[in-house]
Amino acid sequence: MVIPDYQTLMLPLLRRLAGHRWRTTALVDELTAEFRLSEAERTALLLKGRQSVIANRTHWALAQNDNEARFYAEYWKASPDLLAAFTVATAKDTANATSGQAEVLV
């Protein structure tokens, strides 16, 4: 499997953040397991050789969604139906992006 980009990590990350506190290393381990990364993929380092690619992308997903994650984590805790709706909307966005169409959700 290919190491997922940070955008792909966002939804699984938000699901884990809903109502829970995590250490970043534990999140990296969980996401690595979910995406079934091989040992080589788990240990692949960035060009500078200081950080693994999956850890870097997890940090980017956290940084890009820090405020949104806090909002959605609290909201999903109160309304699990929102998570299902968001998952469907994300799937539609992905399908539309590959077909060249755009859809705005209000």
C-alpha atoms as a PDB file:
ATOM      1  CA  MET A   1       0.000   0.000   0.000  1.00  0.00           C
ATOM      2  CA  VAL A   2       1.084   3.587  -0.600  1.00  0.00           C
ATOM      3  CA  ILE A   3       1.632   5.855   2.395  1.00  0.00           C
ATOM      4  CA  PRO A   4      -1.510   8.038   2.491  1.00  0.00           C
ATOM      5  CA  ASP A   5      -1.233  11.806   2.067  1.00  0.00           C
ATOM      6  CA  TYR A   6      -2.311  14.061   4.904  1.00  0.00           C
ATOM      7  CA  GLN A   7      -5.716  14.776   3.325  1.00  0.00           C
ATOM      8  CA  THR A   8      -6.502  11.045   3.318  1.00  0.00           C
ATOM      9  CA  LEU A   9      -5.536  10.840   6.991  1.00  0.00           C
ATOM     10  CA  MET A  10      -7.921  13.619   8.044  1.00  0.00           C
ATOM     11  CA  LEU A  11     -11.195  11.680   8.360  1.00  0.00           C
ATOM     12  CA  PRO A  12      -9.728   8.675  10.229  1.00  0.00           C
ATOM     13  CA  LEU A  13      -7.899  11.154  12.434  1.00  0.00           C
ATOM     14  CA  LEU A  14     -11.083  13.089  13.212  1.00  0.00           C
ATOM     15  CA  ARG A  15     -12.901   9.857  14.041  1.00  0.00           C
ATOM     16  CA  ARG A  16     -10.254   9.026  16.610  1.00  0.00           C
ATOM     17  CA  LEU A  17     -10.228  12.517  18.100  1.00  0.00           C
ATOM     18  CA  ALA A  18     -13.988  12.496  18.743  1.00  0.00           C
ATOM     19  CA  GLY A  19     -14.266  12.559  22.515  1.00  0.00           C
ATOM     20  CA  HIS A  20     -10.734  11.291  23.185  1.00  0.00           C
ATOM     21  CA  ARG A  21      -7.298  12.650  23.904  1.00  0.00           C
ATOM     22  CA  TRP A  22      -4.387  11.024  22.118  1.00  0.00           C
ATOM     23  CA  ARG A  23      -0.641  11.207  22.085  1.00  0.00           C
ATOM     24  CA  THR A  24       0.551  11.887  18.565  1.00  0.00           C
ATOM     25  CA  THR A  25       2.705   8.754  18.563  1.00  0.00           C
ATOM     26  CA  ALA A  26      -0.353   6.663  19.444  1.00  0.00           C
ATOM     27  CA  LEU A  27      -2.310   8.307  16.603  1.00  0.00           C
ATOM     28  CA  VAL A  28       0.502   7.505  14.177  1.00  0.00           C
ATOM     29  CA  ASP A  29       0.474   3.865  15.336  1.00  0.00           C
ATOM     30  CA  GLU A  30      -3.319   3.639  14.988  1.00  0.00           C
ATOM     31  CA  LEU A  31      -3.363   5.183  11.511  1.00  0.00           C
ATOM     32  CA  THR A  32      -0.463   2.997  10.417  1.00  0.00           C
ATOM     33  CA  ALA A  33      -2.434  -0.066  11.491  1.00  0.00           C
ATOM     34  CA  GLU A  34      -5.655   1.145   9.855  1.00  0.00           C
ATOM     35  CA  PHE A  35      -3.957   1.699   6.516  1.00  0.00           C
ATOM     36  CA  ARG A  36      -2.064  -1.603   6.873  1.00  0.00           C
ATOM     37  CA  LEU A  37       1.297  -0.100   6.090  1.00  0.00           C
ATOM     38  CA  SER A  38       4.228  -2.471   5.701  1.00  0.00           C
ATOM     39  CA  GLU A  39       7.258  -2.222   7.967  1.00  0.00           C
ATOM     40  CA  ALA A  40       9.164  -0.458   5.171  1.00  0.00           C
ATOM     41  CA  GLU A  41       6.341   2.098   4.809  1.00  0.00           C
ATOM     42  CA  ARG A  42       6.131   2.562   8.590  1.00  0.00           C
ATOM     43  CA  THR A  43       9.823   3.315   8.831  1.00  0.00           C
ATOM     44  CA  ALA A  44      10.276   5.318   5.596  1.00  0.00           C
ATOM     45  CA  LEU A  45      11.952   8.596   6.472  1.00  0.00           C
ATOM     46  CA  LEU A  46      11.717  12.059   4.958  1.00  0.00           C
ATOM     47  CA  LEU A  47      14.691  13.171   2.877  1.00  0.00           C
ATOM     48  CA  LYS A  48      16.354  14.797   5.895  1.00  0.00           C
ATOM     49  CA  GLY A  49      16.078  11.451   7.693  1.00  0.00           C
ATOM     50  CA  ARG A  50      14.735  12.781  10.990  1.00  0.00           C
ATOM     51  CA  GLN A  51      11.047  11.884  10.862  1.00  0.00           C
ATOM     52  CA  SER A  52       8.991   9.104   9.331  1.00  0.00           C
ATOM     53  CA  VAL A  53       6.777  10.029   6.391  1.00  0.00           C
ATOM     54  CA  ILE A  54       3.625   8.740   8.125  1.00  0.00           C
ATOM     55  CA  ALA A  55       4.404  10.728  11.304  1.00  0.00           C
ATOM     56  CA  ASN A  56       4.992  13.866   9.228  1.00  0.00           C
ATOM     57  CA  ARG A  57       1.715  13.453   7.362  1.00  0.00           C
ATOM     58  CA  THR A  58      -0.156  12.779  10.595  1.00  0.00           C
ATOM     59  CA  HIS A  59       1.278  15.992  12.059  1.00  0.00           C
ATOM     60  CA  TRP A  60       0.205  17.899   8.931  1.00  0.00           C
ATOM     61  CA  ALA A  61      -3.320  16.483   9.198  1.00  0.00           C
ATOM     62  CA  LEU A  62      -3.448  17.567  12.839  1.00  0.00           C
ATOM     63  CA  ALA A  63      -2.086  21.027  12.063  1.00  0.00           C
ATOM     64  CA  GLN A  64      -4.439  21.613   9.137  1.00  0.00           C
ATOM     65  CA  ASN A  65      -7.456  20.503  11.106  1.00  0.00           C
ATOM     66  CA  ASP A  66      -6.679  21.589  14.630  1.00  0.00           C
ATOM     67  CA  ASN A  67      -9.609  23.972  15.010  1.00  0.00           C
ATOM     68  CA  GLU A  68     -11.942  21.920  12.803  1.00  0.00           C
ATOM     69  CA  ALA A  69     -10.977  18.747  14.651  1.00  0.00           C
ATOM     70  CA  ARG A  70     -11.852  20.259  18.003  1.00  0.00           C
ATOM     71  CA  PHE A  71     -15.198  21.472  16.676  1.00  0.00           C
ATOM     72  CA  TYR A  72     -16.146  18.247  14.907  1.00  0.00           C
ATOM     73  CA  ALA A  73     -14.898  16.039  17.722  1.00  0.00           C
ATOM     74  CA  GLU A  74     -17.242  17.797  20.141  1.00  0.00           C
ATOM     75  CA  TYR A  75     -20.098  17.910  17.641  1.00  0.00           C
ATOM     76  CA  TRP A  76     -19.764  14.245  16.643  1.00  0.00           C
ATOM     77  CA  LYS A  77     -19.710  13.291  20.290  1.00  0.00           C
ATOM     78  CA  ALA A  78     -23.160  14.904  20.558  1.00  0.00           C
ATOM     79  CA  SER A  79     -24.368  13.828  17.101  1.00  0.00           C
ATOM     80  CA  PRO A  80     -23.002  10.557  15.640  1.00  0.00           C
ATOM     81  CA  ASP A  81     -25.241  11.073  12.586  1.00  0.00           C
ATOM     82  CA  LEU A  82     -23.027  13.986  11.500  1.00  0.00           C
ATOM     83  CA  LEU A  83     -20.061  11.639  11.138  1.00  0.00           C
ATOM     84  CA  ALA A  84     -22.060   9.403   8.809  1.00  0.00           C
ATOM     85  CA  ALA A  85     -23.205  12.406   6.748  1.00  0.00           C
ATOM     86  CA  PHE A  86     -19.648  13.762   6.571  1.00  0.00           C
ATOM     87  CA  THR A  87     -18.344  10.380   5.427  1.00  0.00           C
ATOM     88  CA  VAL A  88     -20.917  10.259   2.609  1.00  0.00           C
ATOM     89  CA  ALA A  89     -20.172  13.867   1.599  1.00  0.00           C
ATOM     90  CA  THR A  90     -16.428  13.153   1.556  1.00  0.00           C
ATOM     91  CA  ALA A  91     -16.978  10.112  -0.661  1.00  0.00           C
ATOM     92  CA  LYS A  92     -19.096  12.229  -3.046  1.00  0.00           C
ATOM     93  CA  ASP A  93     -16.431  14.962  -3.128  1.00  0.00           C
ATOM     94  CA  THR A  94     -13.786  12.380  -3.990  1.00  0.00           C
ATOM     95  CA  ALA A  95     -15.959  10.893  -6.742  1.00  0.00           C
ATOM     96  CA  ASN A  96     -16.743  14.339  -8.168  1.00  0.00           C
ATOM     97  CA  ALA A  97     -13.090  15.380  -8.068  1.00  0.00           C
ATOM     98  CA  THR A  98     -12.136  12.396 -10.170  1.00  0.00           C
ATOM     99  CA  SER A  99     -14.980  13.038 -12.639  1.00  0.00           C
ATOM    100  CA  GLY A 100     -14.219  16.756 -12.973  1.00  0.00           C
ATOM    101  CA  GLN A 101     -17.451  17.887 -11.275  1.00  0.00           C
ATOM    102  CA  ALA A 102     -17.724  19.993  -8.165  1.00  0.00           C
ATOM    103  CA  GLU A 103     -20.386  19.868  -5.478  1.00  0.00           C
ATOM    104  CA  VAL A 104     -20.924  22.449  -2.783  1.00  0.00           C
ATOM    105  CA  LEU A 105     -22.397  21.209   0.469  1.00  0.00           C
ATOM    106  CA  VAL A 106     -24.330  23.684   2.593  1.00  0.00           C
END
